């Protein structure tokens, strides 16, 4: 998914999660625009006519259908979604879909737990200025403004008030949570392999480090 750092008058950057970073998933294939990014996963069959549940990982869950054909991690199979509808309940990222060519419950059952991927380039085409795919950011070096390496970006979180970036200390052990705003992360240089953090004491244990509850971006 994507991330967008907020400016002085914006609450926070917007990130678009790409669960390809999950440890249980295979790493993305290839380089650059051709790299595959996980955008969804089939679940259990629904009924007896080949319908199947699908969990979407895209920023707008219903938008997963825009990226078809979807492929498996190794690119050996592709899928076209038909009749995408909400599965109901509180989960907005769950759908019931009909997949072209899947006509029976048995065929749908064979797809259970199959991950759905698209080339990174297709996702990147939808990015606005200052928006980022989380898959592009996870693993970047986190540098202080003087160039000192502080750690590595390892995850993003959304607790309801904007994206929070988690950084692991270079020496291991501690992690820090920072609002993903221009105040705290003024520079995002994906091509150069790093982000710049506007403080060196992000791992302070005495509570004097950056306050992850300060999401004003000012």
C-alpha atoms as a PDB file:
ATOM      1  CA  UNK A   1       0.000   0.000   0.000  1.00  0.00           C
ATOM      2  CA  UNK A   2       0.965   3.591  -0.160  1.00  0.00           C
ATOM      3  CA  UNK A   3       2.365   6.191   2.199  1.00  0.00           C
ATOM      4  CA  UNK A   4       2.230   9.967   1.967  1.00  0.00           C
ATOM      5  CA  UNK A   5       4.229  12.206   4.335  1.00  0.00           C
ATOM      6  CA  UNK A   6       2.269  15.137   5.685  1.00  0.00           C
ATOM      7  CA  UNK A   7       3.442  18.703   5.460  1.00  0.00           C
ATOM      8  CA  UNK A   8       2.970  21.590   7.867  1.00  0.00           C
ATOM      9  CA  UNK A   9      -0.742  21.822   7.075  1.00  0.00           C
ATOM     10  CA  UNK A  10      -1.366  18.114   6.515  1.00  0.00           C
ATOM     11  CA  UNK A  11      -1.966  15.633   9.317  1.00  0.00           C
ATOM     12  CA  UNK A  12       0.224  12.932   7.807  1.00  0.00           C
ATOM     13  CA  UNK A  13       1.565  11.217   4.736  1.00  0.00           C
ATOM     14  CA  UNK A  14      -0.494   8.419   3.328  1.00  0.00           C
ATOM     15  CA  UNK A  15       0.970   4.956   2.973  1.00  0.00           C
ATOM     16  CA  UNK A  16      -0.450   2.116   0.987  1.00  0.00           C
ATOM     17  CA  UNK A  17       0.231  -1.165   2.724  1.00  0.00           C
ATOM     18  CA  UNK A  18       1.795  -3.979   0.762  1.00  0.00           C
ATOM     19  CA  UNK A  19       1.627  -7.121   2.891  1.00  0.00           C
ATOM     20  CA  UNK A  20       4.424  -8.624   0.798  1.00  0.00           C
ATOM     21  CA  UNK A  21       6.514  -7.637   3.802  1.00  0.00           C
ATOM     22  CA  UNK A  22       4.870 -10.339   5.933  1.00  0.00           C
ATOM     23  CA  UNK A  23       7.358 -13.001   6.960  1.00  0.00           C
ATOM     24  CA  UNK A  24       5.125 -15.844   5.791  1.00  0.00           C
ATOM     25  CA  UNK A  25       4.996 -14.586   2.225  1.00  0.00           C
ATOM     26  CA  UNK A  26       7.597 -15.169  -0.500  1.00  0.00           C
ATOM     27  CA  UNK A  27       9.756 -12.123  -1.289  1.00  0.00           C
ATOM     28  CA  UNK A  28       8.755  -9.966  -4.262  1.00  0.00           C
ATOM     29  CA  UNK A  29      10.204 -11.145  -7.585  1.00  0.00           C
ATOM     30  CA  UNK A  30      12.332  -9.055  -9.876  1.00  0.00           C
ATOM     31  CA  UNK A  31      13.430  -5.454  -9.719  1.00  0.00           C
ATOM     32  CA  UNK A  32      11.795  -2.065 -10.103  1.00  0.00           C
ATOM     33  CA  UNK A  33       8.449  -1.835 -11.865  1.00  0.00           C
ATOM     34  CA  UNK A  34       8.381  -5.573 -12.646  1.00  0.00           C
ATOM     35  CA  UNK A  35       8.649  -6.644  -8.989  1.00  0.00           C
ATOM     36  CA  UNK A  36       5.575  -8.468  -7.773  1.00  0.00           C
ATOM     37  CA  UNK A  37       3.642  -7.076  -4.817  1.00  0.00           C
ATOM     38  CA  UNK A  38       1.062  -8.980  -2.794  1.00  0.00           C
ATOM     39  CA  UNK A  39      -2.373  -7.314  -3.025  1.00  0.00           C
ATOM     40  CA  UNK A  40      -4.765 -10.002  -1.847  1.00  0.00           C
ATOM     41  CA  UNK A  41      -5.364 -13.605  -0.873  1.00  0.00           C
ATOM     42  CA  UNK A  42      -8.078 -16.110  -1.663  1.00  0.00           C
ATOM     43  CA  UNK A  43      -9.921 -17.675   1.257  1.00  0.00           C
ATOM     44  CA  UNK A  44     -12.399 -20.475   1.631  1.00  0.00           C
ATOM     45  CA  UNK A  45     -15.090 -21.333  -0.952  1.00  0.00           C
ATOM     46  CA  UNK A  46     -18.478 -19.655  -0.737  1.00  0.00           C
ATOM     47  CA  UNK A  47     -21.335 -21.882  -1.792  1.00  0.00           C
ATOM     48  CA  UNK A  48     -21.166 -24.598  -4.434  1.00  0.00           C
ATOM     49  CA  UNK A  49     -20.893 -22.626  -7.678  1.00  0.00           C
ATOM     50  CA  UNK A  50     -17.251 -21.672  -7.562  1.00  0.00           C
ATOM     51  CA  UNK A  51     -17.471 -18.433  -5.608  1.00  0.00           C
ATOM     52  CA  UNK A  52     -14.636 -17.788  -3.187  1.00  0.00           C
ATOM     53  CA  UNK A  53     -13.817 -15.354  -0.405  1.00  0.00           C
ATOM     54  CA  UNK A  54     -11.040 -12.854  -1.034  1.00  0.00           C
ATOM     55  CA  UNK A  55      -9.143 -10.610   1.378  1.00  0.00           C
ATOM     56  CA  UNK A  56      -7.903  -7.399  -0.233  1.00  0.00           C
ATOM     57  CA  UNK A  57      -4.731  -5.633   0.892  1.00  0.00           C
ATOM     58  CA  UNK A  58      -5.060  -2.593  -1.384  1.00  0.00           C
ATOM     59  CA  UNK A  59      -5.535   0.909   0.025  1.00  0.00           C
ATOM     60  CA  UNK A  60      -9.123   0.964  -1.208  1.00  0.00           C
ATOM     61  CA  UNK A  61     -10.103  -2.685  -0.713  1.00  0.00           C
ATOM     62  CA  UNK A  62     -12.599  -2.738  -3.575  1.00  0.00           C
ATOM     63  CA  UNK A  63      -9.895  -1.406  -5.894  1.00  0.00           C
ATOM     64  CA  UNK A  64      -8.180  -4.783  -6.139  1.00  0.00           C
ATOM     65  CA  UNK A  65     -10.254  -5.602  -9.216  1.00  0.00           C
ATOM     66  CA  UNK A  66      -8.636  -2.681 -11.070  1.00  0.00           C
ATOM     67  CA  UNK A  67      -5.298  -4.475 -11.125  1.00  0.00           C
ATOM     68  CA  UNK A  68      -6.368  -7.691 -12.807  1.00  0.00           C
ATOM     69  CA  UNK A  69      -5.163  -9.958 -14.123  1.00  0.00           C
ATOM     70  CA  UNK A  70      -3.760 -10.959 -10.744  1.00  0.00           C
ATOM     71  CA  UNK A  71      -1.029 -13.600 -10.633  1.00  0.00           C
ATOM     72  CA  UNK A  72       0.483 -16.132  -8.280  1.00  0.00           C
ATOM     73  CA  UNK A  73       3.869 -15.367  -6.684  1.00  0.00           C
ATOM     74  CA  UNK A  74       5.720 -17.309  -9.372  1.00  0.00           C
ATOM     75  CA  UNK A  75       3.653 -15.835 -12.204  1.00  0.00           C
ATOM     76  CA  UNK A  76       2.529 -19.276 -13.362  1.00  0.00           C
ATOM     77  CA  UNK A  77      -1.198 -18.568 -13.022  1.00  0.00           C
ATOM     78  CA  UNK A  78      -3.333 -15.502 -13.570  1.00  0.00           C
ATOM     79  CA  UNK A  79      -6.846 -14.682 -12.385  1.00  0.00           C
ATOM     80  CA  UNK A  80      -9.626 -12.382 -13.565  1.00  0.00           C
ATOM     81  CA  UNK A  81     -12.219 -11.455 -10.958  1.00  0.00           C
ATOM     82  CA  UNK A  82     -15.923 -11.411 -11.757  1.00  0.00           C
ATOM     83  CA  UNK A  83     -18.886 -10.267  -9.660  1.00  0.00           C
ATOM     84  CA  UNK A  84     -16.893  -8.813  -6.788  1.00  0.00           C
ATOM     85  CA  UNK A  85     -19.183  -8.078  -3.822  1.00  0.00           C
ATOM     86  CA  UNK A  86     -18.684  -7.335  -0.109  1.00  0.00           C
ATOM     87  CA  UNK A  87     -18.693 -10.438   2.072  1.00  0.00           C
ATOM     88  CA  UNK A  88     -20.732  -8.638   4.715  1.00  0.00           C
ATOM     89  CA  UNK A  89     -19.892  -8.051   8.341  1.00  0.00           C
ATOM     90  CA  UNK A  90     -17.496  -5.527   9.812  1.00  0.00           C
ATOM     91  CA  UNK A  91     -14.456  -6.431   7.698  1.00  0.00           C
ATOM     92  CA  UNK A  92     -14.397  -3.986   4.782  1.00  0.00           C
ATOM     93  CA  UNK A  93     -11.517  -5.822   3.116  1.00  0.00           C
ATOM     94  CA  UNK A  94     -13.357  -9.129   2.666  1.00  0.00           C
ATOM     95  CA  UNK A  95     -15.199  -9.932  -0.552  1.00  0.00           C
ATOM     96  CA  UNK A  96     -16.930 -12.793  -2.279  1.00  0.00           C
ATOM     97  CA  UNK A  97     -15.790 -13.103  -5.881  1.00  0.00           C
ATOM     98  CA  UNK A  98     -16.328 -15.221  -8.941  1.00  0.00           C
ATOM     99  CA  UNK A  99     -13.080 -16.068 -10.695  1.00  0.00           C
ATOM    100  CA  UNK A 100     -13.160 -16.610 -14.434  1.00  0.00           C
ATOM    101  CA  UNK A 101     -12.839 -20.324 -15.165  1.00  0.00           C
ATOM    102  CA  UNK A 102     -13.627 -21.454 -11.606  1.00  0.00           C
ATOM    103  CA  UNK A 103     -17.009 -23.155 -11.762  1.00  0.00           C
ATOM    104  CA  UNK A 104     -17.135 -25.573  -8.821  1.00  0.00           C
ATOM    105  CA  UNK A 105     -16.610 -25.615  -5.077  1.00  0.00           C
ATOM    106  CA  UNK A 106     -13.714 -28.031  -5.579  1.00  0.00           C
ATOM    107  CA  UNK A 107     -11.969 -25.644  -7.959  1.00  0.00           C
ATOM    108  CA  UNK A 108     -12.511 -22.787  -5.516  1.00  0.00           C
ATOM    109  CA  UNK A 109     -11.172 -24.890  -2.632  1.00  0.00           C
ATOM    110  CA  UNK A 110      -7.936 -25.416  -4.571  1.00  0.00           C
ATOM    111  CA  UNK A 111      -7.349 -21.639  -4.466  1.00  0.00           C
ATOM    112  CA  UNK A 112      -7.672 -21.311  -0.692  1.00  0.00           C
ATOM    113  CA  UNK A 113      -4.665 -19.377   0.722  1.00  0.00           C
ATOM    114  CA  UNK A 114      -3.306 -18.531  -2.741  1.00  0.00           C
ATOM    115  CA  UNK A 115      -1.732 -15.060  -2.713  1.00  0.00           C
ATOM    116  CA  UNK A 116      -2.542 -12.574  -5.473  1.00  0.00           C
ATOM    117  CA  UNK A 117       0.188 -10.365  -6.905  1.00  0.00           C
ATOM    118  CA  UNK A 118       0.581  -7.529  -9.403  1.00  0.00           C
ATOM    119  CA  UNK A 119       3.706  -5.860 -10.812  1.00  0.00           C
ATOM    120  CA  UNK A 120       4.808  -2.943  -8.664  1.00  0.00           C
ATOM    121  CA  UNK A 121       4.638  -0.651 -11.693  1.00  0.00           C
ATOM    122  CA  UNK A 122       0.875  -1.020 -11.917  1.00  0.00           C
ATOM    123  CA  UNK A 123       0.460   0.036  -8.290  1.00  0.00           C
ATOM    124  CA  UNK A 124       2.952   2.875  -8.618  1.00  0.00           C
ATOM    125  CA  UNK A 125       1.008   4.311 -11.545  1.00  0.00           C
ATOM    126  CA  UNK A 126      -1.770   5.263  -9.105  1.00  0.00           C
ATOM    127  CA  UNK A 127       0.499   7.083  -6.654  1.00  0.00           C
ATOM    128  CA  UNK A 128       0.043  10.795  -6.091  1.00  0.00           C
ATOM    129  CA  UNK A 129       2.888  13.125  -5.225  1.00  0.00           C
ATOM    130  CA  UNK A 130       4.335  12.282  -1.790  1.00  0.00           C
ATOM    131  CA  UNK A 131       2.597   8.903  -1.720  1.00  0.00           C
ATOM    132  CA  UNK A 132       4.612   5.728  -1.332  1.00  0.00           C
ATOM    133  CA  UNK A 133       4.182   1.980  -1.383  1.00  0.00           C
ATOM    134  CA  UNK A 134       5.069   0.548   1.998  1.00  0.00           C
ATOM    135  CA  UNK A 135       6.913  -2.275   0.230  1.00  0.00           C
ATOM    136  CA  UNK A 136       9.274   0.367  -1.178  1.00  0.00           C
ATOM    137  CA  UNK A 137       9.915   1.880   2.250  1.00  0.00           C
ATOM    138  CA  UNK A 138      10.325  -1.185   4.442  1.00  0.00           C
ATOM    139  CA  UNK A 139      14.002  -2.015   4.578  1.00  0.00           C
ATOM    140  CA  UNK A 140      15.244   1.522   3.875  1.00  0.00           C
ATOM    141  CA  UNK A 141      17.977   2.956   6.089  1.00  0.00           C
ATOM    142  CA  UNK A 142      16.840   5.604   8.573  1.00  0.00           C
ATOM    143  CA  UNK A 143      19.417   8.403   8.717  1.00  0.00           C
ATOM    144  CA  UNK A 144      19.767  11.427  10.973  1.00  0.00           C
ATOM    145  CA  UNK A 145      20.050  14.801   9.249  1.00  0.00           C
ATOM    146  CA  UNK A 146      23.835  14.665   9.608  1.00  0.00           C
ATOM    147  CA  UNK A 147      23.952  11.325   7.770  1.00  0.00           C
ATOM    148  CA  UNK A 148      24.378   9.109  10.833  1.00  0.00           C
ATOM    149  CA  UNK A 149      22.608   5.799  10.382  1.00  0.00           C
ATOM    150  CA  UNK A 150      20.005   5.382  13.116  1.00  0.00           C
ATOM    151  CA  UNK A 151      18.379   2.168  12.004  1.00  0.00           C
ATOM    152  CA  UNK A 152      16.090   0.543   9.466  1.00  0.00           C
ATOM    153  CA  UNK A 153      12.430   1.034   8.551  1.00  0.00           C
ATOM    154  CA  UNK A 154      10.722  -2.236   9.485  1.00  0.00           C
ATOM    155  CA  UNK A 155       6.967  -1.583   9.503  1.00  0.00           C
ATOM    156  CA  UNK A 156       4.068   0.856   9.269  1.00  0.00           C
ATOM    157  CA  UNK A 157       1.081   1.097  11.588  1.00  0.00           C
ATOM    158  CA  UNK A 158      -2.193   2.997  11.541  1.00  0.00           C
ATOM    159  CA  UNK A 159      -3.766   3.466  14.955  1.00  0.00           C
ATOM    160  CA  UNK A 160      -6.450   5.760  13.573  1.00  0.00           C
ATOM    161  CA  UNK A 161      -4.669   9.113  13.365  1.00  0.00           C
ATOM    162  CA  UNK A 162      -2.318   8.663  10.428  1.00  0.00           C
ATOM    163  CA  UNK A 163       0.578   6.459   9.433  1.00  0.00           C
ATOM    164  CA  UNK A 164       3.228   5.597  12.000  1.00  0.00           C
ATOM    165  CA  UNK A 165       6.632   4.350  10.854  1.00  0.00           C
ATOM    166  CA  UNK A 166       8.515   1.827  12.993  1.00  0.00           C
ATOM    167  CA  UNK A 167      12.299   1.993  12.941  1.00  0.00           C
ATOM    168  CA  UNK A 168      14.620  -0.651  14.398  1.00  0.00           C
ATOM    169  CA  UNK A 169      17.865   0.586  15.942  1.00  0.00           C
ATOM    170  CA  UNK A 170      21.019  -0.071  13.908  1.00  0.00           C
ATOM    171  CA  UNK A 171      22.631  -1.848  16.856  1.00  0.00           C
ATOM    172  CA  UNK A 172      19.553  -3.995  17.405  1.00  0.00           C
ATOM    173  CA  UNK A 173      17.118  -4.225  20.284  1.00  0.00           C
ATOM    174  CA  UNK A 174      15.089  -1.049  20.492  1.00  0.00           C
ATOM    175  CA  UNK A 175      12.498   0.173  18.020  1.00  0.00           C
ATOM    176  CA  UNK A 176      10.950   3.627  17.688  1.00  0.00           C
ATOM    177  CA  UNK A 177       7.532   4.741  16.446  1.00  0.00           C
ATOM    178  CA  UNK A 178       7.330   8.076  14.623  1.00  0.00           C
ATOM    179  CA  UNK A 179       4.501   9.854  12.821  1.00  0.00           C
ATOM    180  CA  UNK A 180       5.163   9.578   9.090  1.00  0.00           C
ATOM    181  CA  UNK A 181       4.987  13.342   8.588  1.00  0.00           C
ATOM    182  CA  UNK A 182       7.434  15.843   7.146  1.00  0.00           C
ATOM    183  CA  UNK A 183       8.086  17.118  10.645  1.00  0.00           C
ATOM    184  CA  UNK A 184       9.603  13.809  11.739  1.00  0.00           C
ATOM    185  CA  UNK A 185      10.569  12.271   8.370  1.00  0.00           C
ATOM    186  CA  UNK A 186      11.433  15.257   6.155  1.00  0.00           C
ATOM    187  CA  UNK A 187      13.119  13.262   3.380  1.00  0.00           C
ATOM    188  CA  UNK A 188      12.067  10.034   1.686  1.00  0.00           C
ATOM    189  CA  UNK A 189      14.650   8.964  -0.890  1.00  0.00           C
ATOM    190  CA  UNK A 190      13.524   5.554  -2.124  1.00  0.00           C
ATOM    191  CA  UNK A 191      15.944   5.506  -5.055  1.00  0.00           C
ATOM    192  CA  UNK A 192      18.830   6.293  -2.702  1.00  0.00           C
ATOM    193  CA  UNK A 193      17.741   3.689  -0.186  1.00  0.00           C
ATOM    194  CA  UNK A 194      17.035   5.856   2.848  1.00  0.00           C
ATOM    195  CA  UNK A 195      14.738   8.168   4.756  1.00  0.00           C
ATOM    196  CA  UNK A 196      15.913  11.075   6.883  1.00  0.00           C
ATOM    197  CA  UNK A 197      14.628  11.438  10.445  1.00  0.00           C
ATOM    198  CA  UNK A 198      14.640  14.914  12.013  1.00  0.00           C
ATOM    199  CA  UNK A 199      16.009  13.742  15.385  1.00  0.00           C
ATOM    200  CA  UNK A 200      18.829  11.549  16.645  1.00  0.00           C
ATOM    201  CA  UNK A 201      17.247  10.606  19.976  1.00  0.00           C
ATOM    202  CA  UNK A 202      14.385   8.553  18.580  1.00  0.00           C
ATOM    203  CA  UNK A 203      15.336   5.589  20.778  1.00  0.00           C
ATOM    204  CA  UNK A 204      15.508   7.648  23.983  1.00  0.00           C
ATOM    205  CA  UNK A 205      14.361   5.527  26.918  1.00  0.00           C
ATOM    206  CA  UNK A 206      13.522   8.449  29.189  1.00  0.00           C
ATOM    207  CA  UNK A 207      10.517   9.659  27.214  1.00  0.00           C
ATOM    208  CA  UNK A 208      12.401  12.642  25.780  1.00  0.00           C
ATOM    209  CA  UNK A 209      12.401  11.281  22.222  1.00  0.00           C
ATOM    210  CA  UNK A 210       9.917  12.290  19.519  1.00  0.00           C
ATOM    211  CA  UNK A 211       6.340  11.862  20.643  1.00  0.00           C
ATOM    212  CA  UNK A 212       4.493   9.439  18.381  1.00  0.00           C
ATOM    213  CA  UNK A 213       1.245  11.022  19.569  1.00  0.00           C
ATOM    214  CA  UNK A 214       2.245  14.362  18.013  1.00  0.00           C
ATOM    215  CA  UNK A 215       0.790  13.958  14.554  1.00  0.00           C
ATOM    216  CA  UNK A 216       0.253  17.608  13.735  1.00  0.00           C
ATOM    217  CA  UNK A 217       3.125  17.656  11.255  1.00  0.00           C
ATOM    218  CA  UNK A 218       3.744  21.285  12.095  1.00  0.00           C
END
